[in-house]
Protein backbone atom coordinates (compact mmCIF):
# COMPACT_ATOMS: atom_id res chain seq x y z
CA MET A 1 29.01 0.50 -15.58
CA PRO A 2 29.95 -3.23 -16.37
CA LYS A 3 30.25 -3.77 -20.34
CA GLN A 4 26.91 -5.37 -21.54
CA LYS A 5 27.83 -8.38 -24.23
CA SER A 6 26.34 -7.18 -27.36
CA LYS A 7 24.87 -10.11 -30.17
CA GLU A 8 26.27 -9.91 -33.51
CA ARG A 9 23.70 -8.53 -35.93
CA ASN A 10 23.58 -7.59 -39.62
CA ILE A 11 24.10 -3.94 -40.12
CA SER A 12 22.38 -1.49 -43.12
CA PRO A 13 24.59 0.39 -45.67
CA ALA A 14 23.21 2.89 -44.43
CA MET A 15 24.14 2.64 -40.68
CA SER A 16 27.57 1.19 -41.86
CA GLU A 17 28.31 4.67 -43.84
CA PHE A 18 27.04 6.21 -40.76
CA SER A 19 29.76 4.48 -38.44
CA MET A 20 32.41 5.11 -41.38
CA ALA A 21 31.33 9.23 -41.74
CA PHE A 22 31.14 9.28 -37.76
CA GLU A 23 35.00 7.97 -37.34
CA GLU A 24 36.30 9.58 -40.05
CA PHE A 25 35.33 12.94 -38.52
CA PHE A 26 35.79 12.63 -35.13
CA LYS A 27 39.16 11.03 -35.25
CA ASP A 28 41.06 13.94 -34.85
CA LYS A 29 38.54 16.49 -32.78
CA SER A 30 39.26 17.26 -29.26
CA LYS A 31 36.37 16.31 -26.92
CA PRO A 32 33.85 19.27 -26.05
CA LYS A 33 34.56 21.36 -23.14
CA SER A 34 31.22 22.22 -23.04
CA ASP A 35 27.40 21.31 -24.06
CA GLU A 36 27.49 24.54 -26.89
CA GLU A 37 30.97 23.04 -28.19
CA GLU A 38 29.40 19.67 -28.38
CA LYS A 39 26.34 21.22 -30.04
CA LYS A 40 28.57 22.78 -32.58
CA GLN A 41 30.51 19.85 -33.48
CA MET A 42 27.31 17.82 -33.86
CA GLU A 43 26.01 20.64 -36.59
CA ASP A 44 29.34 20.74 -38.34
CA PHE A 45 29.23 16.83 -38.80
CA MET A 46 25.59 16.98 -40.23
CA GLU A 47 26.49 19.46 -42.62
CA TRP A 48 30.07 17.57 -44.05
CA TYR A 49 27.71 13.84 -43.59
CA ASN A 50 25.11 15.27 -45.83
CA ASN A 51 26.16 17.49 -48.13
CA GLU A 52 30.33 17.24 -48.48
CA ARG A 53 31.15 13.55 -47.91
CA GLN A 54 30.52 10.90 -50.52
CA GLN A 55 28.99 7.67 -49.75
CA SER A 56 31.92 4.82 -50.50
CA ASP A 57 29.04 2.75 -52.44
CA THR A 58 27.44 5.65 -54.84
CA GLY A 59 29.83 7.86 -54.82
CA LYS A 60 27.49 10.40 -53.98
CA THR A 61 26.48 12.90 -51.24
CA PRO A 62 23.15 11.65 -49.16
CA ALA A 63 21.90 15.33 -50.24
CA GLU A 64 22.72 14.18 -54.68
CA MET A 65 20.76 10.79 -53.66
CA PHE A 66 17.84 12.41 -52.23
CA LYS A 67 17.87 15.02 -55.25
CA GLU A 68 17.92 11.95 -57.98
CA ILE A 69 15.46 9.60 -56.03
CA TYR A 70 12.82 12.27 -55.46
CA GLY A 71 13.79 14.83 -57.78
CA GLU A 72 13.65 18.03 -55.28
CA GLU A 73 16.17 19.37 -52.95
CA PRO A 74 16.71 17.93 -49.56
CA THR A 75 14.78 19.51 -46.43
CA LYS A 76 13.30 17.75 -43.25
CA SER A 77 11.81 14.67 -44.25
CA ASP A 78 10.25 11.48 -43.04
CA LYS A 79 11.20 10.24 -46.46
CA PRO A 80 13.59 7.08 -46.44
CA SER A 81 17.18 8.01 -47.04
CA ARG A 82 20.90 8.55 -46.15
CA MET A 83 20.10 12.25 -44.37
CA ILE A 84 20.88 12.90 -40.88
CA ASN A 85 18.96 15.52 -39.20
CA PHE A 86 20.52 16.37 -35.83
CA GLU A 87 18.29 18.01 -33.17
CA TRP A 88 19.50 19.33 -29.99
CA ASP A 89 17.76 18.06 -26.70
CA GLU A 90 18.31 20.53 -24.04
CA ASN A 91 16.93 18.35 -21.21
CA TYR A 92 18.67 15.34 -22.39
CA LYS A 93 20.98 14.01 -19.52
CA GLU A 94 23.19 11.42 -19.58
CA PRO A 95 23.14 8.42 -17.34
CA ASP A 96 25.71 9.48 -14.72
CA GLU A 97 24.29 13.16 -14.14
CA MET A 98 21.16 11.23 -13.61
CA LEU A 99 22.51 8.75 -10.70
CA TYR A 100 24.05 11.94 -9.27
CA GLU A 101 20.85 13.77 -9.13
CA ALA A 102 19.46 10.99 -7.62
CA ASP A 103 21.85 10.84 -5.30
CA GLN A 104 21.32 14.75 -4.22
CA LEU A 105 17.23 13.94 -3.85
CA ILE A 106 18.33 11.09 -1.46
CA ILE A 107 20.14 13.68 0.61
CA LYS A 108 17.16 16.14 0.59
CA GLY A 109 14.65 13.17 1.41
CA LYS A 110 12.69 13.11 -1.89
CA TYR A 111 13.04 9.69 -1.89
CA LYS A 112 9.97 9.26 -4.58
CA GLU A 113 11.56 11.72 -7.45
CA ALA A 114 14.94 9.90 -7.05
CA LEU A 115 13.21 6.09 -7.48
CA LYS A 116 11.83 7.93 -11.02
CA LEU A 117 15.45 8.58 -12.04
CA ALA A 118 16.49 5.57 -10.91
CA ASP A 119 13.88 4.02 -13.17
CA GLU A 120 14.40 6.24 -15.89
CA ILE A 121 18.01 5.17 -16.03
CA LEU A 122 17.24 1.60 -16.05
CA GLU A 123 14.91 1.97 -19.24
CA ILE A 124 17.79 3.64 -20.94
CA ILE A 125 20.16 1.04 -19.49
CA PRO A 126 18.11 -2.24 -18.64
CA ASP A 127 19.60 -3.86 -15.52
CA ASP A 128 22.36 -1.00 -14.54
CA GLU A 129 23.93 -2.42 -11.68
CA GLU A 130 24.51 1.17 -10.43
CA ALA A 131 21.10 2.45 -10.70
CA LEU A 132 19.90 -1.19 -9.51
CA LEU A 133 22.24 -1.04 -6.34
CA LEU A 134 20.67 3.00 -5.49
CA LYS A 135 17.41 1.46 -6.00
CA THR A 136 18.09 -0.69 -2.91
CA ILE A 137 18.95 2.76 -0.53
CA ILE A 138 15.66 4.82 -1.71
CA LEU A 139 13.16 1.65 -1.45
CA PRO A 140 13.44 1.02 2.64
CA SER A 141 12.32 4.70 2.93
CA LEU A 142 9.14 4.28 0.97
CA GLY A 143 8.73 1.42 3.11
CA ARG A 144 9.50 -1.42 0.50
CA THR A 145 12.87 -3.30 2.25
CA SER A 146 11.71 -6.06 0.92
CA GLU A 147 11.94 -5.40 -2.88
CA ALA A 148 15.48 -4.01 -1.95
CA GLU A 149 16.62 -7.21 -0.90
CA GLU A 150 14.90 -8.36 -4.31
CA ILE A 151 17.17 -6.42 -5.98
CA LEU A 152 20.78 -7.31 -4.00
CA LYS A 153 20.01 -11.11 -4.48
CA PHE A 154 19.20 -10.22 -8.46
CA VAL A 155 22.43 -8.32 -9.09
CA ASN A 156 24.54 -10.65 -6.64
CA LYS A 157 22.90 -13.22 -9.47
CA LYS A 158 23.80 -11.40 -12.39
CA TYR A 159 27.52 -9.63 -11.57
CA GLY A 160 28.37 -11.16 -8.12
CA LYS A 161 29.55 -10.01 -4.65
CA THR A 162 31.48 -6.58 -6.30
CA THR A 163 32.47 -3.95 -4.44
CA ASP A 164 29.46 -1.58 -5.17
CA TRP A 165 27.17 -4.73 -4.16
CA ASN A 166 28.98 -4.83 -0.68
CA PHE A 167 28.82 -1.35 -0.22
CA TYR A 168 24.91 -1.31 -0.98
CA ARG A 169 24.39 -4.37 1.13
CA ALA A 170 26.21 -2.67 4.11
CA GLN A 171 24.01 0.38 3.78
CA LEU A 172 20.66 -1.50 4.01
CA TYR A 173 21.88 -3.14 6.54
CA PHE A 174 22.90 0.08 8.37
CA TRP A 175 19.50 1.61 7.80
CA ASN A 176 17.99 -1.64 8.89
CA GLY A 177 19.57 -1.29 12.27
CA ASN A 178 21.81 -3.61 12.16
CA LEU A 179 25.48 -2.02 12.68
CA SER A 180 27.55 -5.00 12.98
CA LYS A 181 26.41 -6.50 9.75
CA ALA A 182 26.98 -2.91 8.08
CA MET A 183 30.76 -3.33 9.29
CA GLU A 184 31.26 -7.04 8.26
CA PHE A 185 30.00 -6.48 4.55
CA MET A 186 31.79 -2.81 4.41
CA LYS A 187 35.23 -4.38 5.23
CA GLN A 188 34.57 -7.22 2.20
CA ALA A 189 33.83 -4.26 0.07
CA LEU A 190 37.16 -2.79 1.01
CA GLU A 191 38.75 -6.04 0.67
CA LYS A 192 37.98 -6.29 -2.99
CA ASN A 193 39.07 -2.50 -3.62
CA PRO A 194 41.47 -1.17 -0.56
CA ASP A 195 40.96 2.42 -2.29
CA ASN A 196 37.24 2.67 -2.91
CA PHE A 197 36.82 5.86 -1.43
CA ASP A 198 33.05 5.62 -0.67
CA ALA A 199 34.00 2.32 1.43
CA LEU A 200 36.89 3.69 3.27
CA THR A 201 34.17 6.81 4.29
CA GLY A 202 31.56 4.45 4.99
CA TYR A 203 33.49 2.13 7.02
CA ALA A 204 35.18 5.07 9.03
CA ASN A 205 31.91 5.98 9.89
CA TYR A 206 30.76 2.84 11.11
CA LEU A 207 33.48 2.13 13.20
CA ASP A 208 33.43 5.55 14.50
CA LEU A 209 29.92 4.64 15.73
CA ALA A 210 31.03 1.38 16.79
CA ARG A 211 33.81 3.55 18.97
CA GLU A 212 36.83 1.94 17.23
CA GLU A 213 40.17 3.80 17.28
CA SER A 214 40.78 2.72 14.09
CA SER A 215 37.69 4.87 12.40
CA LYS A 216 40.73 7.53 11.97
CA GLU A 217 42.92 5.28 9.94
CA PHE A 218 40.44 4.82 7.18
CA LEU A 219 39.30 8.01 7.22
CA GLU A 220 42.92 9.64 6.48
CA LYS A 221 43.49 7.09 3.61
CA ALA A 222 40.05 8.82 2.36
CA GLU A 223 41.54 12.24 3.00
CA LYS A 224 44.70 11.22 1.08
CA ILE A 225 43.00 9.58 -2.07
CA ASP A 226 40.41 13.14 -2.06
CA ASN A 227 41.01 15.45 0.67
CA LYS A 228 38.09 18.33 -0.58
CA ARG A 229 35.59 15.06 -1.23
CA ALA A 230 36.53 13.47 2.21
CA GLU A 231 35.98 17.07 3.97
CA ARG A 232 32.51 17.44 2.19
CA PHE A 233 31.33 14.16 2.93
CA LYS A 234 32.16 14.73 6.95
CA LYS A 235 30.25 18.16 6.66
CA LYS A 236 27.08 16.61 4.65
CA TYR A 237 27.07 12.67 5.39
CA TRP A 238 28.83 11.93 8.31
CA ILE A 239 26.32 10.69 10.89
CA THR A 240 27.73 11.85 14.43
CA GLN A 241 27.74 9.65 17.58
CA LYS A 242 25.48 12.08 19.00
CA GLU A 243 22.69 11.57 15.91
CA TYR A 244 23.27 7.71 16.70
CA ILE A 245 21.84 7.90 19.95
CA GLN A 246 19.02 10.65 19.84
CA LYS A 247 17.55 9.65 16.51
CA GLY A 248 15.15 7.34 15.36
CA MET A 249 18.41 4.91 14.30
CA PHE A 250 18.93 3.69 17.43
CA THR A 251 15.34 2.45 17.73
CA GLY A 252 16.07 0.96 14.72
CA ALA A 253 18.64 -0.82 16.24
CA LEU A 254 16.91 -2.28 19.03
CA ASP A 255 13.93 -2.99 16.70
CA ASN A 256 16.43 -5.07 14.73
CA ILE A 257 17.78 -7.01 17.86
CA VAL A 258 14.58 -8.27 18.84
CA ASN A 259 13.70 -9.17 15.01
CA LEU A 260 17.20 -11.03 15.24
CA LEU A 261 15.91 -12.77 18.64
CA GLU A 262 12.95 -14.08 17.11
CA GLU A 263 14.36 -15.66 14.13
CA GLN A 264 16.98 -17.24 17.03
CA LYS A 265 20.16 -15.29 15.30
CA GLU A 266 21.26 -14.96 19.00
CA THR A 267 24.95 -14.59 18.16
CA GLU A 268 24.38 -11.80 16.07
CA ALA A 269 22.19 -10.11 18.49
CA ARG A 270 24.63 -10.05 20.81
CA GLN A 271 27.19 -8.55 18.57
CA ASN A 272 24.80 -5.72 17.93
CA ILE A 273 23.98 -5.52 21.62
CA LYS A 274 27.62 -5.01 22.54
CA LEU A 275 28.04 -2.53 20.12
CA LEU A 276 25.19 -0.56 21.29
CA LEU A 277 26.40 -1.10 24.87
CA LYS A 278 29.46 0.73 24.44
CA TYR A 279 26.96 4.03 24.80
CA PHE A 280 26.01 2.66 28.62
CA TYR A 281 26.65 5.99 30.48
CA GLU A 282 24.53 8.20 27.55
CA LEU A 283 20.84 6.20 27.25
CA PRO A 284 18.30 6.76 28.87
CA LYS A 285 17.91 4.11 31.90
CA ASP A 286 14.42 2.90 30.35
CA VAL A 287 16.38 2.21 27.01
CA LEU A 288 19.55 0.71 28.58
CA THR A 289 17.57 -1.72 30.75
CA MET A 290 15.82 -2.43 27.86
CA LEU A 291 19.05 -3.32 25.97
CA LEU A 292 20.42 -5.07 28.83
CA GLY A 293 16.63 -7.46 29.24
CA LEU A 294 17.34 -7.89 25.44
CA GLU A 295 20.89 -9.56 25.92
CA ILE A 296 19.81 -11.70 28.49
CA GLU A 297 17.16 -13.31 26.66
CA SER A 298 19.64 -14.04 23.90
CA TYR A 299 21.79 -16.18 27.07
CA ILE A 300 18.60 -17.61 28.33
CA ALA A 301 17.76 -18.60 24.34
CA THR A 302 21.12 -20.33 24.05
CA LYS A 303 21.16 -21.96 27.45
CA GLU A 304 24.10 -20.25 28.75
CA TYR A 305 22.32 -19.63 32.50
CA GLU A 306 25.25 -18.37 34.39
CA THR A 307 26.36 -15.65 31.86
CA ALA A 308 22.82 -14.59 32.07
CA SER A 309 22.62 -14.66 35.95
CA GLN A 310 25.96 -11.93 35.75
CA LYS A 311 23.79 -9.91 33.55
CA VAL A 312 20.83 -10.14 35.76
CA GLU A 313 22.92 -9.14 38.41
CA THR A 314 24.29 -5.89 36.43
CA LEU A 315 20.05 -5.26 35.67
CA LEU A 316 19.17 -5.03 39.48
CA LYS A 317 22.65 -2.56 40.19
CA ILE A 318 20.80 -0.34 37.86
CA ASN A 319 17.30 -0.57 39.41
CA ILE A 320 16.68 -2.84 42.10
CA LYS A 321 13.25 -2.62 41.94
CA ASN A 322 13.03 -3.93 38.15
CA PRO A 323 10.42 -6.04 37.27
CA HIS A 324 12.08 -7.48 34.36
CA ALA A 325 15.36 -8.43 36.36
CA TYR A 326 13.27 -11.13 38.37
CA PHE A 327 11.46 -12.16 35.72
CA TYR A 328 14.44 -13.36 34.37
CA LYS A 329 16.23 -14.94 37.54
CA SER A 330 12.31 -16.86 37.66
CA GLN A 331 12.92 -17.95 34.90
CA LEU A 332 16.64 -19.28 35.02
CA PHE A 333 15.61 -20.97 38.23
CA PHE A 334 12.43 -22.53 36.18
CA ASN A 335 14.99 -23.85 33.58
CA GLN A 336 17.19 -25.76 35.83
CA LYS A 337 14.05 -27.07 37.70
CA LYS A 338 14.27 -24.96 41.02
CA LEU A 339 10.73 -24.40 41.71
CA GLU A 340 10.41 -22.96 44.58
CA GLU A 341 13.27 -20.45 43.91
CA ALA A 342 11.27 -19.67 40.78
CA LEU A 343 7.98 -18.94 42.54
CA THR A 344 9.77 -16.71 44.91
CA GLU A 345 11.56 -14.70 41.90
CA ILE A 346 7.99 -14.19 40.11
CA ASN A 347 6.45 -12.79 43.22
CA LYS A 348 9.03 -10.65 43.85
CA CYS A 349 8.89 -9.67 39.98
CA LEU A 350 4.82 -9.11 40.03
CA GLU A 351 5.12 -7.17 43.19
CA ASN A 352 7.43 -4.76 41.89
CA ALA A 353 5.39 -4.55 38.47
CA GLU A 354 2.22 -3.64 40.86
CA ASN A 355 4.01 -1.09 42.90
CA SER A 356 5.87 0.49 40.03
CA ASP A 357 4.81 4.00 38.24
CA THR A 358 2.84 1.74 35.75
CA PRO A 359 1.17 -1.18 37.37
CA ILE A 360 -0.09 -3.27 34.91
CA PRO A 361 2.11 -6.65 34.80
CA HIS A 362 3.59 -8.09 31.13
CA PRO A 363 1.36 -11.04 30.54
CA ASP A 364 4.70 -12.73 30.56
CA PHE A 365 5.05 -12.52 34.56
CA TYR A 366 1.49 -14.50 34.83
CA LEU A 367 2.31 -17.05 32.35
CA LEU A 368 5.66 -17.92 33.77
CA LYS A 369 4.24 -17.79 37.36
CA SER A 370 1.32 -20.07 35.79
CA MET A 371 3.69 -22.50 34.56
CA ILE A 372 5.56 -22.58 37.63
CA LEU A 373 2.30 -23.48 39.45
CA LYS A 374 1.53 -26.31 36.93
CA LYS A 375 4.86 -27.59 37.41
CA MET A 376 3.98 -27.53 41.15
CA ASP A 377 0.91 -29.83 40.81
CA ASN A 378 -0.69 -25.89 42.10
CA ASP A 379 -4.59 -25.59 40.42
CA GLU A 380 -4.01 -22.07 41.08
CA CYS A 381 -2.22 -21.62 37.60
CA LEU A 382 -5.32 -21.78 35.86
CA TYR A 383 -5.65 -18.74 37.26
CA TYR A 384 -2.70 -16.93 36.18
CA GLU A 385 -3.23 -18.73 32.87
CA ASN A 386 -6.57 -17.07 32.42
CA LYS A 387 -4.79 -13.40 33.70
CA ALA A 388 -2.15 -13.79 31.31
CA ASN A 389 -4.41 -14.39 28.14
CA GLN A 390 -6.46 -11.48 29.38
CA LEU A 391 -4.01 -9.22 29.22
CA MET A 392 -2.41 -10.64 25.95
CA ALA A 393 -6.14 -9.76 24.31
CA GLY A 394 -6.53 -6.44 25.35
CA LEU A 395 -2.68 -5.58 24.28
CA LYS A 396 -3.99 -6.98 20.89
CA ARG A 397 -7.03 -5.07 20.99
CA ILE A 398 -4.85 -1.94 21.88
CA ALA A 399 -2.77 -2.90 19.18
CA GLY A 400 -5.25 -2.98 16.52
CA GLU A 401 -7.05 -0.22 17.33
CA GLY A 402 -3.39 1.84 16.88
């Protein structure tokens, strides 16, 4: 944990005496090996401090001073004095223990309980970097991703881009479906601290999901640092390639790509598409065609029409009747002002869509046809424009009901 700077302040004689006594008593004492031993040491210190050690400014013990002031034997009392009372709190936990417990709760999916512990740590140590970063893992699981992003910005401003910051930044990207960015930031964490165990295992796992052979190199390095811990990581936390494509993580990755394209981050979208296409032969056909379609859209957006055209041919090889493939072909011709060719392809698109298992063409199909016809000064454009608007309204209504 980063050291906190403290302001200089005046210390009362009582506090000064306590500090000196504490240092004096524990100077030659060995560190306690258990809670029982620590408790016994504190009880011995209290007895020695109250009844044996004379205060440097009065030459009397706190017990003698209490008796002199109040005319009675010292007992547990709220009366002002230099007496100390020690009580052992069986439920007390150090912040490090609470962080570990929060980690265990996250593993079990108990995010609300984990968040409560992280907040309790922050009450003890305000702005503690590790507790704040822990919250960035918890909050997205509670649907509060934007709060996690704000915490990362705050930690970056206060502590800079430390190894831990890069590690948690990578984790947040990964759970938001952005494997490419997750790998980038985990690599940066290792550049700052090449022997960081968590960053080594995290990077090894990400590289394995990206089907990179170099994954083994980083995992072996982690094993050399702490073999038992590495084995535990592989058993409990390692995400296999099979889990990655069969669970919600892959759906999250597709959603991330859609969001990146909407934000006009085509290069970043393509980096993630490239990683997901490494599972080309394992993916269900509908998922694969969706992924290839998103890749084509990214090249159309950046006006790389030749590359987009090549990708369309790949899509047609998977399914010659895929209406989206003809939609993209039509879009490419339209963007190059080849209106006749564009009209031919959009007609094929609509024909295949209307004859498919789910014969409800996408509104964009009709919208593109209306745009082509409008450019050709064909009044039929209004019919297709209205049809597109009707379908879109229906989809919005269904979404609202859902």
